[in-house]
Amino acid sequence: MTATEYIQAARIAKARELLELTNEPVAQISRGVGYLDVSNFRRLFQRATGVTPSEYRSRFGIAARAGRQEDLSAGQPARIRSTPSR
């Protein structure tokens, strides 16, 4: 792994954490992890994870977990969307 690849992996890991645990806008997360060009961040994030930052948040973020918890508490099986609702 090159130094650039290592830095990108670390930035993407931090972005994933922020997408899961906060409701900060994607552009703010992009800048916070060191990408000033949001479109470049989105492209690199999708290459690394297979989904866009917004799709990642809808699958793994706080709101997604809360929705699954509500389904479980109501006796309904949790459903994972294959595509985000818009």
PDB file of N, CA and C in Angstrom:
ATOM      1  N   MET A   1       0.852  -1.174   0.000  1.00  0.00           N
ATOM      2  CA  MET A   1       0.000   0.000   0.000  1.00  0.00           C
ATOM      3  C   MET A   1       0.898   1.238   0.000  1.00  0.00           C
ATOM      4  N   THR A   2       0.580   2.144  -0.899  1.00  0.00           N
ATOM      5  CA  THR A   2       1.366   3.375  -0.965  1.00  0.00           C
ATOM      6  C   THR A   2       0.907   4.336   0.132  1.00  0.00           C
ATOM      7  N   ALA A   3       1.686   5.364   0.346  1.00  0.00           N
ATOM      8  CA  ALA A   3       1.327   6.368   1.341  1.00  0.00           C
ATOM      9  C   ALA A   3      -0.001   7.037   0.980  1.00  0.00           C
ATOM     10  N   THR A   4      -0.204   7.332  -0.291  1.00  0.00           N
ATOM     11  CA  THR A   4      -1.451   7.953  -0.740  1.00  0.00           C
ATOM     12  C   THR A   4      -2.638   7.030  -0.486  1.00  0.00           C
ATOM     13  N   GLU A   5      -2.492   5.748  -0.789  1.00  0.00           N
ATOM     14  CA  GLU A   5      -3.568   4.781  -0.551  1.00  0.00           C
ATOM     15  C   GLU A   5      -3.890   4.682   0.936  1.00  0.00           C
ATOM     16  N   TYR A   6      -2.852   4.704   1.766  1.00  0.00           N
ATOM     17  CA  TYR A   6      -3.056   4.637   3.208  1.00  0.00           C
ATOM     18  C   TYR A   6      -3.836   5.862   3.707  1.00  0.00           C
ATOM     19  N   ILE A   7      -3.456   7.023   3.252  1.00  0.00           N
ATOM     20  CA  ILE A   7      -4.132   8.257   3.670  1.00  0.00           C
ATOM     21  C   ILE A   7      -5.585   8.245   3.207  1.00  0.00           C
ATOM     22  N   GLN A   8      -5.810   7.822   1.951  1.00  0.00           N
ATOM     23  CA  GLN A   8      -7.184   7.750   1.449  1.00  0.00           C
ATOM     24  C   GLN A   8      -8.016   6.771   2.271  1.00  0.00           C
ATOM     25  N   ALA A   9      -7.449   5.615   2.600  1.00  0.00           N
ATOM     26  CA  ALA A   9      -8.172   4.613   3.398  1.00  0.00           C
ATOM     27  C   ALA A   9      -8.520   5.167   4.778  1.00  0.00           C
ATOM     28  N   ALA A  10      -7.591   5.897   5.379  1.00  0.00           N
ATOM     29  CA  ALA A  10      -7.844   6.487   6.696  1.00  0.00           C
ATOM     30  C   ALA A  10      -8.936   7.550   6.614  1.00  0.00           C
ATOM     31  N   ARG A  11      -8.910   8.363   5.572  1.00  0.00           N
ATOM     32  CA  ARG A  11      -9.933   9.393   5.398  1.00  0.00           C
ATOM     33  C   ARG A  11     -11.305   8.773   5.171  1.00  0.00           C
ATOM     34  N   ILE A  12     -11.367   7.735   4.349  1.00  0.00           N
ATOM     35  CA  ILE A  12     -12.642   7.068   4.072  1.00  0.00           C
ATOM     36  C   ILE A  12     -13.168   6.401   5.344  1.00  0.00           C
ATOM     37  N   ALA A  13     -12.294   5.798   6.134  1.00  0.00           N
ATOM     38  CA  ALA A  13     -12.713   5.167   7.391  1.00  0.00           C
ATOM     39  C   ALA A  13     -13.325   6.209   8.331  1.00  0.00           C
ATOM     40  N   LYS A  14     -12.704   7.370   8.431  1.00  0.00           N
ATOM     41  CA  LYS A  14     -13.240   8.433   9.286  1.00  0.00           C
ATOM     42  C   LYS A  14     -14.569   8.939   8.734  1.00  0.00           C
ATOM     43  N   ALA A  15     -14.662   9.075   7.420  1.00  0.00           N
ATOM     44  CA  ALA A  15     -15.912   9.519   6.804  1.00  0.00           C
ATOM     45  C   ALA A  15     -17.030   8.513   7.072  1.00  0.00           C
ATOM     46  N   ARG A  16     -16.727   7.225   6.977  1.00  0.00           N
ATOM     47  CA  ARG A  16     -17.730   6.201   7.267  1.00  0.00           C
ATOM     48  C   ARG A  16     -18.239   6.336   8.700  1.00  0.00           C
ATOM     49  N   GLU A  17     -17.318   6.546   9.625  1.00  0.00           N
ATOM     50  CA  GLU A  17     -17.693   6.721  11.031  1.00  0.00           C
ATOM     51  C   GLU A  17     -18.619   7.924  11.201  1.00  0.00           C
ATOM     52  N   LEU A  18     -18.262   9.036  10.575  1.00  0.00           N
ATOM     53  CA  LEU A  18     -19.071  10.248  10.692  1.00  0.00           C
ATOM     54  C   LEU A  18     -20.436  10.072  10.033  1.00  0.00           C
ATOM     55  N   LEU A  19     -20.494   9.362   8.916  1.00  0.00           N
ATOM     56  CA  LEU A  19     -21.769   9.114   8.251  1.00  0.00           C
ATOM     57  C   LEU A  19     -22.669   8.227   9.107  1.00  0.00           C
ATOM     58  N   GLU A  20     -22.074   7.299   9.828  1.00  0.00           N
ATOM     59  CA  GLU A  20     -22.844   6.403  10.688  1.00  0.00           C
ATOM     60  C   GLU A  20     -23.350   7.100  11.947  1.00  0.00           C
ATOM     61  N   LEU A  21     -22.541   7.984  12.515  1.00  0.00           N
ATOM     62  CA  LEU A  21     -22.825   8.495  13.849  1.00  0.00           C
ATOM     63  C   LEU A  21     -23.330   9.932  13.917  1.00  0.00           C
ATOM     64  N   THR A  22     -23.290  10.664  12.813  1.00  0.00           N
ATOM     65  CA  THR A  22     -23.727  12.060  12.832  1.00  0.00           C
ATOM     66  C   THR A  22     -24.717  12.317  11.707  1.00  0.00           C
ATOM     67  N   ASN A  23     -25.315  13.482  11.746  1.00  0.00           N
ATOM     68  CA  ASN A  23     -26.186  13.936  10.658  1.00  0.00           C
ATOM     69  C   ASN A  23     -25.552  15.103   9.908  1.00  0.00           C
ATOM     70  N   GLU A  24     -24.237  15.260  10.033  1.00  0.00           N
ATOM     71  CA  GLU A  24     -23.542  16.327   9.312  1.00  0.00           C
ATOM     72  C   GLU A  24     -23.738  16.146   7.812  1.00  0.00           C
ATOM     73  N   PRO A  25     -23.853  17.238   7.069  1.00  0.00           N
ATOM     74  CA  PRO A  25     -23.968  17.131   5.615  1.00  0.00           C
ATOM     75  C   PRO A  25     -22.719  16.464   5.014  1.00  0.00           C
ATOM     76  N   VAL A  26     -22.914  15.773   3.920  1.00  0.00           N
ATOM     77  CA  VAL A  26     -21.807  15.074   3.268  1.00  0.00           C
ATOM     78  C   VAL A  26     -20.689  16.050   2.907  1.00  0.00           C
ATOM     79  N   ALA A  27     -21.033  17.234   2.444  1.00  0.00           N
ATOM     80  CA  ALA A  27     -20.008  18.221   2.078  1.00  0.00           C
ATOM     81  C   ALA A  27     -19.160  18.603   3.290  1.00  0.00           C
ATOM     82  N   GLN A  28     -19.784  18.735   4.443  1.00  0.00           N
ATOM     83  CA  GLN A  28     -19.040  19.082   5.661  1.00  0.00           C
ATOM     84  C   GLN A  28     -18.125  17.923   6.068  1.00  0.00           C
ATOM     85  N   ILE A  29     -18.613  16.700   5.956  1.00  0.00           N
ATOM     86  CA  ILE A  29     -17.782  15.533   6.273  1.00  0.00           C
ATOM     87  C   ILE A  29     -16.613  15.459   5.306  1.00  0.00           C
ATOM     88  N   SER A  30     -16.884  15.711   4.027  1.00  0.00           N
ATOM     89  CA  SER A  30     -15.832  15.696   3.012  1.00  0.00           C
ATOM     90  C   SER A  30     -14.697  16.650   3.391  1.00  0.00           C
ATOM     91  N   ARG A  31     -15.064  17.872   3.721  1.00  0.00           N
ATOM     92  CA  ARG A  31     -14.046  18.857   4.120  1.00  0.00           C
ATOM     93  C   ARG A  31     -13.355  18.449   5.411  1.00  0.00           C
ATOM     94  N   GLY A  32     -14.120  17.900   6.341  1.00  0.00           N
ATOM     95  CA  GLY A  32     -13.572  17.516   7.638  1.00  0.00           C
ATOM     96  C   GLY A  32     -12.529  16.407   7.564  1.00  0.00           C
ATOM     97  N   VAL A  33     -12.654  15.538   6.564  1.00  0.00           N
ATOM     98  CA  VAL A  33     -11.665  14.456   6.433  1.00  0.00           C
ATOM     99  C   VAL A  33     -10.577  14.787   5.428  1.00  0.00           C
ATOM    100  N   GLY A  34     -10.626  16.018   4.875  1.00  0.00           N
ATOM    101  CA  GLY A  34      -9.519  16.469   4.054  1.00  0.00           C
ATOM    102  C   GLY A  34      -9.754  16.551   2.560  1.00  0.00           C
ATOM    103  N   TYR A  35     -10.995  16.411   2.115  1.00  0.00           N
ATOM    104  CA  TYR A  35     -11.303  16.537   0.684  1.00  0.00           C
ATOM    105  C   TYR A  35     -12.068  17.835   0.469  1.00  0.00           C
ATOM    106  N   LEU A  36     -11.451  18.782  -0.199  1.00  0.00           N
ATOM    107  CA  LEU A  36     -12.105  20.057  -0.468  1.00  0.00           C
ATOM    108  C   LEU A  36     -13.066  19.949  -1.646  1.00  0.00           C
ATOM    109  N   ASP A  37     -12.799  19.017  -2.561  1.00  0.00           N
ATOM    110  CA  ASP A  37     -13.652  18.785  -3.718  1.00  0.00           C
ATOM    111  C   ASP A  37     -14.619  17.654  -3.374  1.00  0.00           C
ATOM    112  N   VAL A  38     -15.880  18.008  -3.135  1.00  0.00           N
ATOM    113  CA  VAL A  38     -16.875  17.034  -2.695  1.00  0.00           C
ATOM    114  C   VAL A  38     -17.099  15.961  -3.754  1.00  0.00           C
ATOM    115  N   SER A  39     -17.095  16.328  -5.021  1.00  0.00           N
ATOM    116  CA  SER A  39     -17.323  15.325  -6.068  1.00  0.00           C
ATOM    117  C   SER A  39     -16.184  14.302  -6.092  1.00  0.00           C
ATOM    118  N   ASN A  40     -14.975  14.739  -5.841  1.00  0.00           N
ATOM    119  CA  ASN A  40     -13.843  13.810  -5.766  1.00  0.00           C
ATOM    120  C   ASN A  40     -14.007  12.883  -4.559  1.00  0.00           C
ATOM    121  N   PHE A  41     -14.434  13.437  -3.438  1.00  0.00           N
ATOM    122  CA  PHE A  41     -14.688  12.622  -2.255  1.00  0.00           C
ATOM    123  C   PHE A  41     -15.743  11.566  -2.540  1.00  0.00           C
ATOM    124  N   ARG A  42     -16.864  11.973  -3.161  1.00  0.00           N
ATOM    125  CA  ARG A  42     -17.937  11.019  -3.470  1.00  0.00           C
ATOM    126  C   ARG A  42     -17.419   9.890  -4.369  1.00  0.00           C
ATOM    127  N   ARG A  43     -16.630  10.247  -5.370  1.00  0.00           N
ATOM    128  CA  ARG A  43     -16.086   9.244  -6.299  1.00  0.00           C
ATOM    129  C   ARG A  43     -15.177   8.266  -5.569  1.00  0.00           C
ATOM    130  N   LEU A  44     -14.271   8.772  -4.740  1.00  0.00           N
ATOM    131  CA  LEU A  44     -13.354   7.907  -3.998  1.00  0.00           C
ATOM    132  C   LEU A  44     -14.095   7.058  -2.969  1.00  0.00           C
ATOM    133  N   PHE A  45     -15.092   7.650  -2.313  1.00  0.00           N
ATOM    134  CA  PHE A  45     -15.879   6.914  -1.325  1.00  0.00           C
ATOM    135  C   PHE A  45     -16.609   5.761  -2.000  1.00  0.00           C
ATOM    136  N   GLN A  46     -17.214   6.030  -3.155  1.00  0.00           N
ATOM    137  CA  GLN A  46     -17.954   4.979  -3.857  1.00  0.00           C
ATOM    138  C   GLN A  46     -17.009   3.889  -4.360  1.00  0.00           C
ATOM    139  N   ARG A  47     -15.851   4.271  -4.805  1.00  0.00           N
ATOM    140  CA  ARG A  47     -14.870   3.268  -5.248  1.00  0.00           C
ATOM    141  C   ARG A  47     -14.456   2.377  -4.079  1.00  0.00           C
ATOM    142  N   ALA A  48     -14.303   2.954  -2.905  1.00  0.00           N
ATOM    143  CA  ALA A  48     -13.840   2.198  -1.735  1.00  0.00           C
ATOM    144  C   ALA A  48     -14.934   1.335  -1.116  1.00  0.00           C
ATOM    145  N   THR A  49     -16.188   1.815  -1.139  1.00  0.00           N
ATOM    146  CA  THR A  49     -17.261   1.127  -0.414  1.00  0.00           C
ATOM    147  C   THR A  49     -18.306   0.466  -1.311  1.00  0.00           C
ATOM    148  N   GLY A  50     -18.373   0.890  -2.561  1.00  0.00           N
ATOM    149  CA  GLY A  50     -19.375   0.356  -3.469  1.00  0.00           C
ATOM    150  C   GLY A  50     -20.689   1.110  -3.456  1.00  0.00           C
ATOM    151  N   VAL A  51     -20.816   2.110  -2.575  1.00  0.00           N
ATOM    152  CA  VAL A  51     -22.027   2.938  -2.500  1.00  0.00           C
ATOM    153  C   VAL A  51     -21.628   4.394  -2.301  1.00  0.00           C
ATOM    154  N   THR A  52     -22.553   5.292  -2.610  1.00  0.00           N
ATOM    155  CA  THR A  52     -22.286   6.713  -2.390  1.00  0.00           C
ATOM    156  C   THR A  52     -22.360   7.016  -0.889  1.00  0.00           C
ATOM    157  N   PRO A  53     -21.823   8.149  -0.464  1.00  0.00           N
ATOM    158  CA  PRO A  53     -21.931   8.512   0.949  1.00  0.00           C
ATOM    159  C   PRO A  53     -23.381   8.567   1.439  1.00  0.00           C
ATOM    160  N   SER A  54     -24.291   9.095   0.629  1.00  0.00           N
ATOM    161  CA  SER A  54     -25.697   9.169   1.035  1.00  0.00           C
ATOM    162  C   SER A  54     -26.307   7.780   1.176  1.00  0.00           C
ATOM    163  N   GLU A  55     -26.004   6.885   0.254  1.00  0.00           N
ATOM    164  CA  GLU A  55     -26.503   5.509   0.345  1.00  0.00           C
ATOM    165  C   GLU A  55     -25.936   4.822   1.587  1.00  0.00           C
ATOM    166  N   TYR A  56     -24.649   5.070   1.850  1.00  0.00           N
ATOM    167  CA  TYR A  56     -24.014   4.472   3.031  1.00  0.00           C
ATOM    168  C   TYR A  56     -24.736   4.922   4.300  1.00  0.00           C
ATOM    169  N   ARG A  57     -25.000   6.221   4.398  1.00  0.00           N
ATOM    170  CA  ARG A  57     -25.693   6.752   5.581  1.00  0.00           C
ATOM    171  C   ARG A  57     -27.093   6.167   5.705  1.00  0.00           C
ATOM    172  N   SER A  58     -27.810   6.038   4.602  1.00  0.00           N
ATOM    173  CA  SER A  58     -29.181   5.517   4.689  1.00  0.00           C
ATOM    174  C   SER A  58     -29.185   4.053   5.122  1.00  0.00           C
ATOM    175  N   ARG A  59     -28.131   3.325   4.829  1.00  0.00           N
ATOM    176  CA  ARG A  59     -28.048   1.915   5.235  1.00  0.00           C
ATOM    177  C   ARG A  59     -27.508   1.728   6.647  1.00  0.00           C
ATOM    178  N   PHE A  60     -26.530   2.538   7.028  1.00  0.00           N
ATOM    179  CA  PHE A  60     -25.805   2.281   8.268  1.00  0.00           C
ATOM    180  C   PHE A  60     -25.846   3.413   9.288  1.00  0.00           C
ATOM    181  N   GLY A  61     -26.476   4.527   8.967  1.00  0.00           N
ATOM    182  CA  GLY A  61     -26.486   5.678   9.858  1.00  0.00           C
ATOM    183  C   GLY A  61     -27.437   5.530  11.025  1.00  0.00           C
ATOM    184  N   ILE A  62     -27.428   6.523  11.881  1.00  0.00           N
ATOM    185  CA  ILE A  62     -28.243   6.538  13.090  1.00  0.00           C
ATOM    186  C   ILE A  62     -29.720   6.353  12.758  1.00  0.00           C
ATOM    187  N   ALA A  63     -30.233   7.074  11.779  1.00  0.00           N
ATOM    188  CA  ALA A  63     -31.651   6.982  11.435  1.00  0.00           C
ATOM    189  C   ALA A  63     -32.006   5.587  10.943  1.00  0.00           C
ATOM    190  N   ALA A  64     -31.124   4.964  10.186  1.00  0.00           N
ATOM    191  CA  ALA A  64     -31.383   3.612   9.690  1.00  0.00           C
ATOM    192  C   ALA A  64     -31.450   2.630  10.849  1.00  0.00           C
ATOM    193  N   ARG A  65     -30.542   2.774  11.799  1.00  0.00           N
ATOM    194  CA  ARG A  65     -30.554   1.879  12.970  1.00  0.00           C
ATOM    195  C   ARG A  65     -31.798   2.104  13.807  1.00  0.00           C
ATOM    196  N   ALA A  66     -32.199   3.358  13.973  1.00  0.00           N
ATOM    197  CA  ALA A  66     -33.393   3.662  14.768  1.00  0.00           C
ATOM    198  C   ALA A  66     -34.621   3.040  14.116  1.00  0.00           C
ATOM    199  N   GLY A  67     -34.705   3.110  12.798  1.00  0.00           N
ATOM    200  CA  GLY A  67     -35.831   2.516  12.092  1.00  0.00           C
ATOM    201  C   GLY A  67     -35.867   1.006  12.254  1.00  0.00           C
ATOM    202  N   ARG A  68     -34.717   0.370  12.209  1.00  0.00           N
ATOM    203  CA  ARG A  68     -34.659  -1.085  12.399  1.00  0.00           C
ATOM    204  C   ARG A  68     -35.020  -1.441  13.828  1.00  0.00           C
ATOM    205  N   GLN A  69     -34.620  -0.626  14.806  1.00  0.00           N
ATOM    206  CA  GLN A  69     -34.973  -0.886  16.197  1.00  0.00           C
ATOM    207  C   GLN A  69     -36.485  -0.798  16.386  1.00  0.00           C
ATOM    208  N   GLU A  70     -37.122   0.189  15.734  1.00  0.00           N
ATOM    209  CA  GLU A  70     -38.563   0.322  15.825  1.00  0.00           C
ATOM    210  C   GLU A  70     -39.245  -0.901  15.235  1.00  0.00           C
ATOM    211  N   ASP A  71     -38.743  -1.400  14.087  1.00  0.00           N
ATOM    212  CA  ASP A  71     -39.303  -2.604  13.476  1.00  0.00           C
ATOM    213  C   ASP A  71     -39.181  -3.788  14.421  1.00  0.00           C
ATOM    214  N   LEU A  72     -38.032  -3.918  15.072  1.00  0.00           N
ATOM    215  CA  LEU A  72     -37.816  -5.043  15.975  1.00  0.00           C
ATOM    216  C   LEU A  72     -38.707  -4.939  17.205  1.00  0.00           C
ATOM    217  N   SER A  73     -38.861  -3.732  17.733  1.00  0.00           N
ATOM    218  CA  SER A  73     -39.679  -3.574  18.939  1.00  0.00           C
ATOM    219  C   SER A  73     -41.162  -3.772  18.634  1.00  0.00           C
ATOM    220  N   ALA A  74     -41.565  -3.575  17.395  1.00  0.00           N
ATOM    221  CA  ALA A  74     -42.962  -3.773  17.011  1.00  0.00           C
ATOM    222  C   ALA A  74     -43.225  -5.216  16.600  1.00  0.00           C
ATOM    223  N   GLY A  75     -42.199  -6.071  16.709  1.00  0.00           N
ATOM    224  CA  GLY A  75     -42.359  -7.468  16.347  1.00  0.00           C
ATOM    225  C   GLY A  75     -42.217  -7.735  14.863  1.00  0.00           C
ATOM    226  N   GLN A  76     -41.804  -6.725  14.120  1.00  0.00           N
ATOM    227  CA  GLN A  76     -41.621  -6.883  12.685  1.00  0.00           C
ATOM    228  C   GLN A  76     -40.157  -7.197  12.395  1.00  0.00           C
ATOM    229  N   PRO A  77     -39.887  -8.045  11.425  1.00  0.00           N
ATOM    230  CA  PRO A  77     -38.492  -8.290  11.062  1.00  0.00           C
ATOM    231  C   PRO A  77     -37.879  -7.035  10.446  1.00  0.00           C
ATOM    232  N   ALA A  78     -36.629  -6.821  10.724  1.00  0.00           N
ATOM    233  CA  ALA A  78     -35.933  -5.660  10.161  1.00  0.00           C
ATOM    234  C   ALA A  78     -35.762  -5.859   8.663  1.00  0.00           C
ATOM    235  N   ARG A  79     -36.016  -4.796   7.922  1.00  0.00           N
ATOM    236  CA  ARG A  79     -35.840  -4.846   6.474  1.00  0.00           C
ATOM    237  C   ARG A  79     -34.729  -3.915   6.080  1.00  0.00           C
ATOM    238  N   ILE A  80     -33.827  -4.405   5.258  1.00  0.00           N
ATOM    239  CA  ILE A  80     -32.730  -3.587   4.766  1.00  0.00           C
ATOM    240  C   ILE A  80     -33.029  -3.279   3.310  1.00  0.00           C
ATOM    241  N   ARG A  81     -33.120  -2.007   2.999  1.00  0.00           N
ATOM    242  CA  ARG A  81     -33.375  -1.577   1.624  1.00  0.00           C
ATOM    243  C   ARG A  81     -32.155  -1.805   0.776  1.00  0.00           C
ATOM    244  N   SER A  82     -32.335  -2.332  -0.407  1.00  0.00           N
ATOM    245  CA  SER A  82     -31.205  -2.484  -1.310  1.00  0.00           C
ATOM    246  C   SER A  82     -30.884  -1.170  -2.006  1.00  0.00           C
ATOM    247  N   THR A  83     -31.883  -0.292  -2.121  1.00  0.00           N
ATOM    248  CA  THR A  83     -31.650   1.036  -2.680  1.00  0.00           C
ATOM    249  C   THR A  83     -32.299   2.059  -1.760  1.00  0.00           C
ATOM    250  N   PRO A  84     -31.684   3.220  -1.617  1.00  0.00           N
ATOM    251  CA  PRO A  84     -32.244   4.222  -0.714  1.00  0.00           C
ATOM    252  C   PRO A  84     -33.518   4.830  -1.276  1.00  0.00           C
ATOM    253  N   SER A  85     -34.397   5.232  -0.389  1.00  0.00           N
ATOM    254  CA  SER A  85     -35.588   5.958  -0.836  1.00  0.00           C
ATOM    255  C   SER A  85     -35.204   7.408  -1.040  1.00  0.00           C
ATOM    256  N   ARG A  86     -35.856   8.048  -1.951  1.00  0.00           N
ATOM    257  CA  ARG A  86     -35.530   9.448  -2.236  1.00  0.00           C
ATOM    258  C   ARG A  86     -36.745  10.288  -2.166  1.00  0.00           C
TER     259      ARG A  86
END
